[in-house]
C-alpha cells in the first residue's frame, strides 16, 4: 500500500501560501477570521462512490481524536514536536487550523487564495521592486526573504510527520467533506495539488510586474494566467522554488509509486 504524504507536505504548502500573501500585499495584515464552512449537500441515494487513488492506511492502534472543532490545542502540541526550528510554531494560526489547511490546499490550483483561509502568519518586511525604462521589475533580493521559510520546510522530521498525518487524517477528511466535497478524498486532492505545483516552470529574469491597483501582477499575461500556487513558486525565485520542488518530489515518492506527470501539464 502506498505510504502517505504527512504533515510535511501540508505544512510545506502552508509555508508557500504565507510567502505568496507576503508578496501580494503592500498593506498591514489584519488577523484572519476563521473560514466560514458551508455544509455539503446530502449525497444522492444509490450514487456510486468515487474510487480512492491514494488511500491512507489504517492505524494499528488508533488513539481517540478530539472533535474537529476542539482539535486546535492537541494539534499545536503535536506539531511542536516535529523537530523544526524552535520558533516556527509561533507562525501558525491555530484557530480552526485543520479547516484552514484543507481550504488553502484546495485553493492552490485556483486563481485566488482568500486571506481568511491562511493557516500561517505572513512574513514581515517590504516587497522589493525596482523601476527602470521597461517598467516595474521584481528585485532578486526578494528571494532572500524566504530563507526562514526554506529552513522550516527542510527541518521538519518527515518520519514523525507521516505518523502524525496518519493519526489525524480523519479530521482532514471531515474538513474536506464539509468544504463541499461530500464524496471527495483529501489525500487524493493533496497529491493532485503537489503535481500541479511541480509543473510550475522556472521564470527568466528580470521578472516584470504591473501594479494596476494595490496588488502586483505579472506583466506577462501567460504568467498572470497561472494558478495562485504556481505564481507563488515563480515569485519566490528559481532557487527557492527548486528547494520546494525537491522537497515535494521526495515527499511524493513516499506517497505513491507512480512518478509525477511530466512538466507542462500544469
C-alpha atoms as a PDB file:
ATOM      1  CA  UNK A   1       0.000   0.000   0.000  1.00  0.00           C
ATOM      2  CA  UNK A   2       1.423   3.425  -0.856  1.00  0.00           C
ATOM      3  CA  UNK A   3       2.811   5.444   2.010  1.00  0.00           C
ATOM      4  CA  UNK A   4       1.137   8.773   2.689  1.00  0.00           C
ATOM      5  CA  UNK A   5       2.478  12.284   2.443  1.00  0.00           C
ATOM      6  CA  UNK A   6       2.141  13.504   6.013  1.00  0.00           C
ATOM      7  CA  UNK A   7       2.366  16.867   7.665  1.00  0.00           C
ATOM      8  CA  UNK A   8       5.490  17.750   5.678  1.00  0.00           C
ATOM      9  CA  UNK A   9       3.503  18.476   2.551  1.00  0.00           C
ATOM     10  CA  UNK A  10       0.641  20.117   4.429  1.00  0.00           C
ATOM     11  CA  UNK A  11       2.996  22.457   6.262  1.00  0.00           C
ATOM     12  CA  UNK A  12       5.118  22.996   3.162  1.00  0.00           C
ATOM     13  CA  UNK A  13       2.106  24.127   1.190  1.00  0.00           C
ATOM     14  CA  UNK A  14       1.054  26.381   4.056  1.00  0.00           C
ATOM     15  CA  UNK A  15       4.527  27.939   4.081  1.00  0.00           C
ATOM     16  CA  UNK A  16       4.243  28.609   0.353  1.00  0.00           C
ATOM     17  CA  UNK A  17       0.897  30.310   0.813  1.00  0.00           C
ATOM     18  CA  UNK A  18       2.344  32.554   3.518  1.00  0.00           C
ATOM     19  CA  UNK A  19       5.058  33.640   1.120  1.00  0.00           C
ATOM     20  CA  UNK A  20       2.511  34.245  -1.625  1.00  0.00           C
ATOM     21  CA  UNK A  21       0.485  36.587   0.571  1.00  0.00           C
ATOM     22  CA  UNK A  22       3.586  38.442   1.658  1.00  0.00           C
ATOM     23  CA  UNK A  23       4.438  39.053  -1.986  1.00  0.00           C
ATOM     24  CA  UNK A  24       0.937  40.176  -2.893  1.00  0.00           C
ATOM     25  CA  UNK A  25       0.145  42.561  -0.062  1.00  0.00           C
ATOM     26  CA  UNK A  26       1.504  46.056   0.488  1.00  0.00           C
ATOM     27  CA  UNK A  27      -0.813  46.913   3.394  1.00  0.00           C
ATOM     28  CA  UNK A  28      -0.567  45.746   7.048  1.00  0.00           C
ATOM     29  CA  UNK A  29      -2.056  42.303   7.562  1.00  0.00           C
ATOM     30  CA  UNK A  30      -5.275  42.057   9.537  1.00  0.00           C
ATOM     31  CA  UNK A  31      -5.670  38.928  11.654  1.00  0.00           C
ATOM     32  CA  UNK A  32      -7.730  36.484   9.577  1.00  0.00           C
ATOM     33  CA  UNK A  33     -11.109  35.324  10.771  1.00  0.00           C
ATOM     34  CA  UNK A  34     -11.992  31.631  10.835  1.00  0.00           C
ATOM     35  CA  UNK A  35     -13.282  30.427   7.474  1.00  0.00           C
ATOM     36  CA  UNK A  36     -16.991  30.005   7.046  1.00  0.00           C
ATOM     37  CA  UNK A  37     -17.817  26.454   6.110  1.00  0.00           C
ATOM     38  CA  UNK A  38     -20.884  25.750   4.006  1.00  0.00           C
ATOM     39  CA  UNK A  39     -22.490  22.408   4.895  1.00  0.00           C
ATOM     40  CA  UNK A  40     -22.367  19.999   1.951  1.00  0.00           C
ATOM     41  CA  UNK A  41     -25.485  18.803   0.218  1.00  0.00           C
ATOM     42  CA  UNK A  42     -26.565  15.290   1.213  1.00  0.00           C
ATOM     43  CA  UNK A  43     -25.352  12.605  -1.207  1.00  0.00           C
ATOM     44  CA  UNK A  44     -27.833  11.216  -3.684  1.00  0.00           C
ATOM     45  CA  UNK A  45     -29.180   7.812  -2.730  1.00  0.00           C
ATOM     46  CA  UNK A  46     -27.671   4.938  -4.669  1.00  0.00           C
ATOM     47  CA  UNK A  47     -24.947   7.028  -6.305  1.00  0.00           C
ATOM     48  CA  UNK A  48     -21.611   5.219  -6.670  1.00  0.00           C
ATOM     49  CA  UNK A  49     -18.698   6.395  -4.543  1.00  0.00           C
ATOM     50  CA  UNK A  50     -15.598   7.536  -6.493  1.00  0.00           C
ATOM     51  CA  UNK A  51     -12.542   5.281  -6.424  1.00  0.00           C
ATOM     52  CA  UNK A  52      -9.863   6.370  -3.963  1.00  0.00           C
ATOM     53  CA  UNK A  53      -6.496   6.629  -5.704  1.00  0.00           C
ATOM     54  CA  UNK A  54      -4.180   7.051  -2.737  1.00  0.00           C
ATOM     55  CA  UNK A  55      -5.728   5.510   0.383  1.00  0.00           C
ATOM     56  CA  UNK A  56      -4.384   6.400   3.806  1.00  0.00           C
ATOM     57  CA  UNK A  57      -3.610   3.169   5.677  1.00  0.00           C
ATOM     58  CA  UNK A  58      -5.451   2.446   8.920  1.00  0.00           C
ATOM     59  CA  UNK A  59      -3.624   2.818  12.237  1.00  0.00           C
ATOM     60  CA  UNK A  60      -2.941  -0.457  14.046  1.00  0.00           C
ATOM     61  CA  UNK A  61      -3.691   1.027  17.471  1.00  0.00           C
ATOM     62  CA  UNK A  62      -5.584   4.285  16.866  1.00  0.00           C
ATOM     63  CA  UNK A  63      -5.690   6.962  19.551  1.00  0.00           C
ATOM     64  CA  UNK A  64      -9.057   8.692  20.129  1.00  0.00           C
ATOM     65  CA  UNK A  65      -9.083  12.038  18.331  1.00  0.00           C
ATOM     66  CA  UNK A  66     -10.659  15.275  19.531  1.00  0.00           C
ATOM     67  CA  UNK A  67     -13.671  16.636  17.699  1.00  0.00           C
ATOM     68  CA  UNK A  68     -12.715  18.786  14.719  1.00  0.00           C
ATOM     69  CA  UNK A  69     -13.975  21.939  16.442  1.00  0.00           C
ATOM     70  CA  UNK A  70     -11.844  21.185  19.529  1.00  0.00           C
ATOM     71  CA  UNK A  71      -8.676  19.961  17.784  1.00  0.00           C
ATOM     72  CA  UNK A  72      -6.510  23.102  17.758  1.00  0.00           C
ATOM     73  CA  UNK A  73      -4.837  22.645  21.158  1.00  0.00           C
ATOM     74  CA  UNK A  74      -3.956  18.987  20.515  1.00  0.00           C
ATOM     75  CA  UNK A  75      -2.608  19.798  17.057  1.00  0.00           C
ATOM     76  CA  UNK A  76      -0.441  22.614  18.350  1.00  0.00           C
ATOM     77  CA  UNK A  77       1.125  20.261  20.870  1.00  0.00           C
ATOM     78  CA  UNK A  78       1.653  17.558  18.240  1.00  0.00           C
ATOM     79  CA  UNK A  79       3.155  19.911  15.658  1.00  0.00           C
ATOM     80  CA  UNK A  80       5.552  21.497  18.140  1.00  0.00           C
ATOM     81  CA  UNK A  81       7.422  18.208  18.395  1.00  0.00           C
ATOM     82  CA  UNK A  82       8.270  17.719  14.746  1.00  0.00           C
ATOM     83  CA  UNK A  83      11.868  18.811  15.152  1.00  0.00           C
ATOM     84  CA  UNK A  84      11.594  22.018  13.134  1.00  0.00           C
ATOM     85  CA  UNK A  85      13.157  25.331  14.097  1.00  0.00           C
ATOM     86  CA  UNK A  86      12.152  26.228  17.666  1.00  0.00           C
ATOM     87  CA  UNK A  87      10.107  29.333  16.867  1.00  0.00           C
ATOM     88  CA  UNK A  88       8.354  28.171  13.688  1.00  0.00           C
ATOM     89  CA  UNK A  89       5.239  27.023  15.533  1.00  0.00           C
ATOM     90  CA  UNK A  90       4.561  30.634  16.585  1.00  0.00           C
ATOM     91  CA  UNK A  91       3.855  31.495  12.934  1.00  0.00           C
ATOM     92  CA  UNK A  92       0.921  29.091  12.712  1.00  0.00           C
ATOM     93  CA  UNK A  93      -2.665  30.307  13.081  1.00  0.00           C
ATOM     94  CA  UNK A  94      -4.229  27.843  15.494  1.00  0.00           C
ATOM     95  CA  UNK A  95      -7.833  28.815  15.054  1.00  0.00           C
ATOM     96  CA  UNK A  96      -9.727  26.244  13.027  1.00  0.00           C
ATOM     97  CA  UNK A  97      -6.341  25.028  11.810  1.00  0.00           C
ATOM     98  CA  UNK A  98      -7.437  21.854  10.011  1.00  0.00           C
ATOM     99  CA  UNK A  99     -10.147  23.637   8.041  1.00  0.00           C
ATOM    100  CA  UNK A 100      -7.704  26.399   7.099  1.00  0.00           C
ATOM    101  CA  UNK A 101      -5.138  23.912   5.803  1.00  0.00           C
ATOM    102  CA  UNK A 102      -7.690  21.932   3.806  1.00  0.00           C
ATOM    103  CA  UNK A 103      -9.238  25.037   2.236  1.00  0.00           C
ATOM    104  CA  UNK A 104      -5.806  26.525   1.468  1.00  0.00           C
ATOM    105  CA  UNK A 105      -4.530  23.358  -0.194  1.00  0.00           C
ATOM    106  CA  UNK A 106      -7.712  23.156  -2.258  1.00  0.00           C
ATOM    107  CA  UNK A 107      -7.293  26.800  -3.352  1.00  0.00           C
ATOM    108  CA  UNK A 108      -3.721  26.486  -4.637  1.00  0.00           C
ATOM    109  CA  UNK A 109      -4.845  25.398  -8.104  1.00  0.00           C
ATOM    110  CA  UNK A 110      -7.288  28.307  -8.415  1.00  0.00           C
ATOM    111  CA  UNK A 111      -6.674  31.940  -9.297  1.00  0.00           C
ATOM    112  CA  UNK A 112      -7.024  33.314  -5.774  1.00  0.00           C
ATOM    113  CA  UNK A 113      -6.468  32.219  -2.191  1.00  0.00           C
ATOM    114  CA  UNK A 114      -8.680  34.128   0.277  1.00  0.00           C
ATOM    115  CA  UNK A 115      -6.664  35.679   3.098  1.00  0.00           C
ATOM    116  CA  UNK A 116      -9.193  34.496   5.654  1.00  0.00           C
ATOM    117  CA  UNK A 117      -8.167  30.886   4.949  1.00  0.00           C
ATOM    118  CA  UNK A 118      -4.453  31.368   5.590  1.00  0.00           C
ATOM    119  CA  UNK A 119      -3.166  28.821   8.181  1.00  0.00           C
ATOM    120  CA  UNK A 120       0.157  30.604   8.802  1.00  0.00           C
ATOM    121  CA  UNK A 121       1.063  34.197   9.508  1.00  0.00           C
ATOM    122  CA  UNK A 122       2.525  36.363   6.795  1.00  0.00           C
ATOM    123  CA  UNK A 123       6.176  37.383   6.914  1.00  0.00           C
ATOM    124  CA  UNK A 124       7.116  40.953   7.851  1.00  0.00           C
ATOM    125  CA  UNK A 125       9.036  43.195   5.517  1.00  0.00           C
ATOM    126  CA  UNK A 126       8.601  45.278   2.408  1.00  0.00           C
ATOM    127  CA  UNK A 127       8.043  43.872  -1.061  1.00  0.00           C
ATOM    128  CA  UNK A 128      11.079  44.920  -3.086  1.00  0.00           C
ATOM    129  CA  UNK A 129      10.680  46.182  -6.630  1.00  0.00           C
ATOM    130  CA  UNK A 130      12.669  48.471  -8.894  1.00  0.00           C
ATOM    131  CA  UNK A 131      11.636  50.654 -11.799  1.00  0.00           C
ATOM    132  CA  UNK A 132      13.614  51.129 -14.972  1.00  0.00           C
ATOM    133  CA  UNK A 133      12.929  52.188 -18.558  1.00  0.00           C
ATOM    134  CA  UNK A 134      10.927  48.992 -19.158  1.00  0.00           C
ATOM    135  CA  UNK A 135       8.691  49.357 -16.093  1.00  0.00           C
ATOM    136  CA  UNK A 136       8.494  47.568 -12.731  1.00  0.00           C
ATOM    137  CA  UNK A 137      10.612  44.514 -12.032  1.00  0.00           C
ATOM    138  CA  UNK A 138      10.924  42.170  -9.086  1.00  0.00           C
ATOM    139  CA  UNK A 139      14.242  42.663  -7.309  1.00  0.00           C
ATOM    140  CA  UNK A 140      16.274  39.428  -6.928  1.00  0.00           C
ATOM    141  CA  UNK A 141      16.862  40.302  -3.265  1.00  0.00           C
ATOM    142  CA  UNK A 142      13.264  39.308  -2.533  1.00  0.00           C
ATOM    143  CA  UNK A 143      14.254  35.643  -2.622  1.00  0.00           C
ATOM    144  CA  UNK A 144      16.396  36.163   0.490  1.00  0.00           C
ATOM    145  CA  UNK A 145      13.255  36.993   2.472  1.00  0.00           C
ATOM    146  CA  UNK A 146      12.228  33.361   2.347  1.00  0.00           C
ATOM    147  CA  UNK A 147      15.315  31.869   3.975  1.00  0.00           C
ATOM    148  CA  UNK A 148      13.437  31.213   7.216  1.00  0.00           C
ATOM    149  CA  UNK A 149      10.581  29.562   5.330  1.00  0.00           C
ATOM    150  CA  UNK A 150      13.013  27.316   3.487  1.00  0.00           C
ATOM    151  CA  UNK A 151      14.728  26.314   6.734  1.00  0.00           C
ATOM    152  CA  UNK A 152      11.382  25.381   8.238  1.00  0.00           C
ATOM    153  CA  UNK A 153      10.455  23.308   5.228  1.00  0.00           C
ATOM    154  CA  UNK A 154      13.755  21.438   5.280  1.00  0.00           C
ATOM    155  CA  UNK A 155      13.970  20.920   9.032  1.00  0.00           C
ATOM    156  CA  UNK A 156      10.679  19.124   9.649  1.00  0.00           C
ATOM    157  CA  UNK A 157      11.178  15.499  10.660  1.00  0.00           C
ATOM    158  CA  UNK A 158       9.472  13.616   7.842  1.00  0.00           C
ATOM    159  CA  UNK A 159       9.056  10.275   9.612  1.00  0.00           C
ATOM    160  CA  UNK A 160       7.304  11.812  12.616  1.00  0.00           C
ATOM    161  CA  UNK A 161       5.261  13.998  10.298  1.00  0.00           C
ATOM    162  CA  UNK A 162       3.960  10.960   8.420  1.00  0.00           C
ATOM    163  CA  UNK A 163       2.896   9.304  11.666  1.00  0.00           C
ATOM    164  CA  UNK A 164       1.047  12.441  12.759  1.00  0.00           C
ATOM    165  CA  UNK A 165      -0.739  12.828   9.460  1.00  0.00           C
ATOM    166  CA  UNK A 166      -1.961   9.239   9.603  1.00  0.00           C
ATOM    167  CA  UNK A 167      -3.153   9.748  13.147  1.00  0.00           C
ATOM    168  CA  UNK A 168      -5.076  12.950  12.408  1.00  0.00           C
ATOM    169  CA  UNK A 169      -6.200  12.190   8.864  1.00  0.00           C
ATOM    170  CA  UNK A 170      -9.893  11.662   9.791  1.00  0.00           C
ATOM    171  CA  UNK A 171     -10.093  15.337  10.801  1.00  0.00           C
ATOM    172  CA  UNK A 172      -8.675  16.476   7.452  1.00  0.00           C
ATOM    173  CA  UNK A 173     -11.087  14.204   5.649  1.00  0.00           C
ATOM    174  CA  UNK A 174     -14.030  15.582   7.635  1.00  0.00           C
ATOM    175  CA  UNK A 175     -12.982  19.163   6.881  1.00  0.00           C
ATOM    176  CA  UNK A 176     -12.654  18.361   3.183  1.00  0.00           C
ATOM    177  CA  UNK A 177     -16.170  16.971   3.030  1.00  0.00           C
ATOM    178  CA  UNK A 178     -17.501  19.994   4.911  1.00  0.00           C
ATOM    179  CA  UNK A 179     -15.809  22.235   2.364  1.00  0.00           C
ATOM    180  CA  UNK A 180     -18.204  20.945  -0.284  1.00  0.00           C
ATOM    181  CA  UNK A 181     -16.814  17.564  -1.333  1.00  0.00           C
ATOM    182  CA  UNK A 182     -19.096  15.017   0.366  1.00  0.00           C
ATOM    183  CA  UNK A 183     -17.605  12.208  -1.725  1.00  0.00           C
ATOM    184  CA  UNK A 184     -14.104  13.583  -2.086  1.00  0.00           C
ATOM    185  CA  UNK A 185     -10.913  12.192  -0.565  1.00  0.00           C
ATOM    186  CA  UNK A 186      -8.483  14.793   0.764  1.00  0.00           C
ATOM    187  CA  UNK A 187      -5.353  12.697   0.305  1.00  0.00           C
ATOM    188  CA  UNK A 188      -6.131  12.370  -3.409  1.00  0.00           C
ATOM    189  CA  UNK A 189      -6.586  16.120  -3.640  1.00  0.00           C
ATOM    190  CA  UNK A 190      -3.273  16.680  -1.881  1.00  0.00           C
ATOM    191  CA  UNK A 191      -1.425  14.568  -4.457  1.00  0.00           C
ATOM    192  CA  UNK A 192      -3.103  16.436  -7.310  1.00  0.00           C
ATOM    193  CA  UNK A 193      -2.051  19.794  -5.851  1.00  0.00           C
ATOM    194  CA  UNK A 194       1.555  18.630  -5.491  1.00  0.00           C
ATOM    195  CA  UNK A 195       1.613  17.516  -9.130  1.00  0.00           C
ATOM    196  CA  UNK A 196       0.192  20.874 -10.145  1.00  0.00           C
ATOM    197  CA  UNK A 197       2.941  22.733  -8.264  1.00  0.00           C
ATOM    198  CA  UNK A 198       5.662  20.503  -9.688  1.00  0.00           C
ATOM    199  CA  UNK A 199       4.535  21.533 -13.177  1.00  0.00           C
ATOM    200  CA  UNK A 200       5.446  25.183 -12.469  1.00  0.00           C
ATOM    201  CA  UNK A 201       8.004  26.468 -14.982  1.00  0.00           C
ATOM    202  CA  UNK A 202      11.082  28.492 -13.955  1.00  0.00           C
ATOM    203  CA  UNK A 203      10.987  32.159 -14.871  1.00  0.00           C
ATOM    204  CA  UNK A 204      13.608  34.238 -16.639  1.00  0.00           C
ATOM    205  CA  UNK A 205      14.951  37.385 -15.008  1.00  0.00           C
ATOM    206  CA  UNK A 206      14.006  40.127 -14.890  1.00  0.00           C
ATOM    207  CA  UNK A 207      10.515  39.281 -13.684  1.00  0.00           C
ATOM    208  CA  UNK A 208       8.324  42.124 -14.902  1.00  0.00           C
ATOM    209  CA  UNK A 209       5.338  43.321 -12.853  1.00  0.00           C
ATOM    210  CA  UNK A 210       2.494  45.793 -13.132  1.00  0.00           C
ATOM    211  CA  UNK A 211       0.515  47.402 -10.321  1.00  0.00           C
ATOM    212  CA  UNK A 212      -2.919  48.407 -11.615  1.00  0.00           C
ATOM    213  CA  UNK A 213      -4.250  48.708  -8.053  1.00  0.00           C
ATOM    214  CA  UNK A 214      -2.833  47.597  -4.680  1.00  0.00           C
ATOM    215  CA  UNK A 215      -1.708  44.124  -5.709  1.00  0.00           C
ATOM    216  CA  UNK A 216       1.187  43.464  -8.040  1.00  0.00           C
ATOM    217  CA  UNK A 217       0.544  41.335 -11.104  1.00  0.00           C
ATOM    218  CA  UNK A 218       2.742  39.743 -13.719  1.00  0.00           C
ATOM    219  CA  UNK A 219       3.245  41.845 -16.811  1.00  0.00           C
ATOM    220  CA  UNK A 220       3.359  38.652 -18.900  1.00  0.00           C
ATOM    221  CA  UNK A 221      -0.282  37.543 -19.469  1.00  0.00           C
ATOM    222  CA  UNK A 222       0.747  33.882 -19.673  1.00  0.00           C
ATOM    223  CA  UNK A 223       2.358  34.009 -16.253  1.00  0.00           C
ATOM    224  CA  UNK A 224      -0.503  36.005 -14.757  1.00  0.00           C
ATOM    225  CA  UNK A 225      -2.991  33.420 -16.056  1.00  0.00           C
ATOM    226  CA  UNK A 226      -1.410  30.648 -13.993  1.00  0.00           C
ATOM    227  CA  UNK A 227      -2.799  29.483 -10.666  1.00  0.00           C
ATOM    228  CA  UNK A 228      -2.059  31.196  -7.360  1.00  0.00           C
ATOM    229  CA  UNK A 229       0.138  28.284  -6.303  1.00  0.00           C
ATOM    230  CA  UNK A 230       2.235  28.310  -9.460  1.00  0.00           C
ATOM    231  CA  UNK A 231       2.600  32.098  -9.400  1.00  0.00           C
ATOM    232  CA  UNK A 232       3.860  31.778  -5.851  1.00  0.00           C
ATOM    233  CA  UNK A 233       6.630  29.397  -6.881  1.00  0.00           C
ATOM    234  CA  UNK A 234       7.604  31.694  -9.722  1.00  0.00           C
ATOM    235  CA  UNK A 235       7.800  34.747  -7.470  1.00  0.00           C
ATOM    236  CA  UNK A 236       9.880  33.308  -4.623  1.00  0.00           C
ATOM    237  CA  UNK A 237      12.794  32.907  -7.025  1.00  0.00           C
ATOM    238  CA  UNK A 238      14.032  29.941  -9.001  1.00  0.00           C
ATOM    239  CA  UNK A 239      16.491  28.834  -6.309  1.00  0.00           C
ATOM    240  CA  UNK A 240      13.823  28.733  -3.602  1.00  0.00           C
ATOM    241  CA  UNK A 241      11.349  27.123  -5.988  1.00  0.00           C
ATOM    242  CA  UNK A 242      13.893  24.389  -6.669  1.00  0.00           C
ATOM    243  CA  UNK A 243      14.199  23.707  -2.927  1.00  0.00           C
ATOM    244  CA  UNK A 244      10.441  23.469  -2.584  1.00  0.00           C
ATOM    245  CA  UNK A 245      10.091  21.209  -5.612  1.00  0.00           C
ATOM    246  CA  UNK A 246      12.856  18.919  -4.399  1.00  0.00           C
ATOM    247  CA  UNK A 247      11.053  18.534  -1.077  1.00  0.00           C
ATOM    248  CA  UNK A 248       7.701  17.920  -2.760  1.00  0.00           C
ATOM    249  CA  UNK A 249       9.185  15.313  -5.100  1.00  0.00           C
ATOM    250  CA  UNK A 250      10.790  13.485  -2.208  1.00  0.00           C
ATOM    251  CA  UNK A 251       7.517  13.515  -0.298  1.00  0.00           C
ATOM    252  CA  UNK A 252       5.577  12.357  -3.313  1.00  0.00           C
ATOM    253  CA  UNK A 253       7.908   9.391  -3.705  1.00  0.00           C
ATOM    254  CA  UNK A 254       6.861   8.355  -0.210  1.00  0.00           C
ATOM    255  CA  UNK A 255       3.248   8.804  -1.165  1.00  0.00           C
ATOM    256  CA  UNK A 256       2.812   6.889  -4.422  1.00  0.00           C
ATOM    257  CA  UNK A 257       4.793   4.562  -6.640  1.00  0.00           C
ATOM    258  CA  UNK A 258       3.864   6.326  -9.894  1.00  0.00           C
ATOM    259  CA  UNK A 259       6.110   9.230 -10.961  1.00  0.00           C
ATOM    260  CA  UNK A 260       4.654  12.734 -11.210  1.00  0.00           C
ATOM    261  CA  UNK A 261       3.320  13.902 -14.577  1.00  0.00           C
ATOM    262  CA  UNK A 262       5.949  15.393 -16.919  1.00  0.00           C
ATOM    263  CA  UNK A 263       6.439  19.207 -16.888  1.00  0.00           C
ATOM    264  CA  UNK A 264       3.974  21.182 -18.956  1.00  0.00           C
ATOM    265  CA  UNK A 265       0.816  19.513 -17.698  1.00  0.00           C
ATOM    266  CA  UNK A 266       0.085  22.131 -15.029  1.00  0.00           C
END
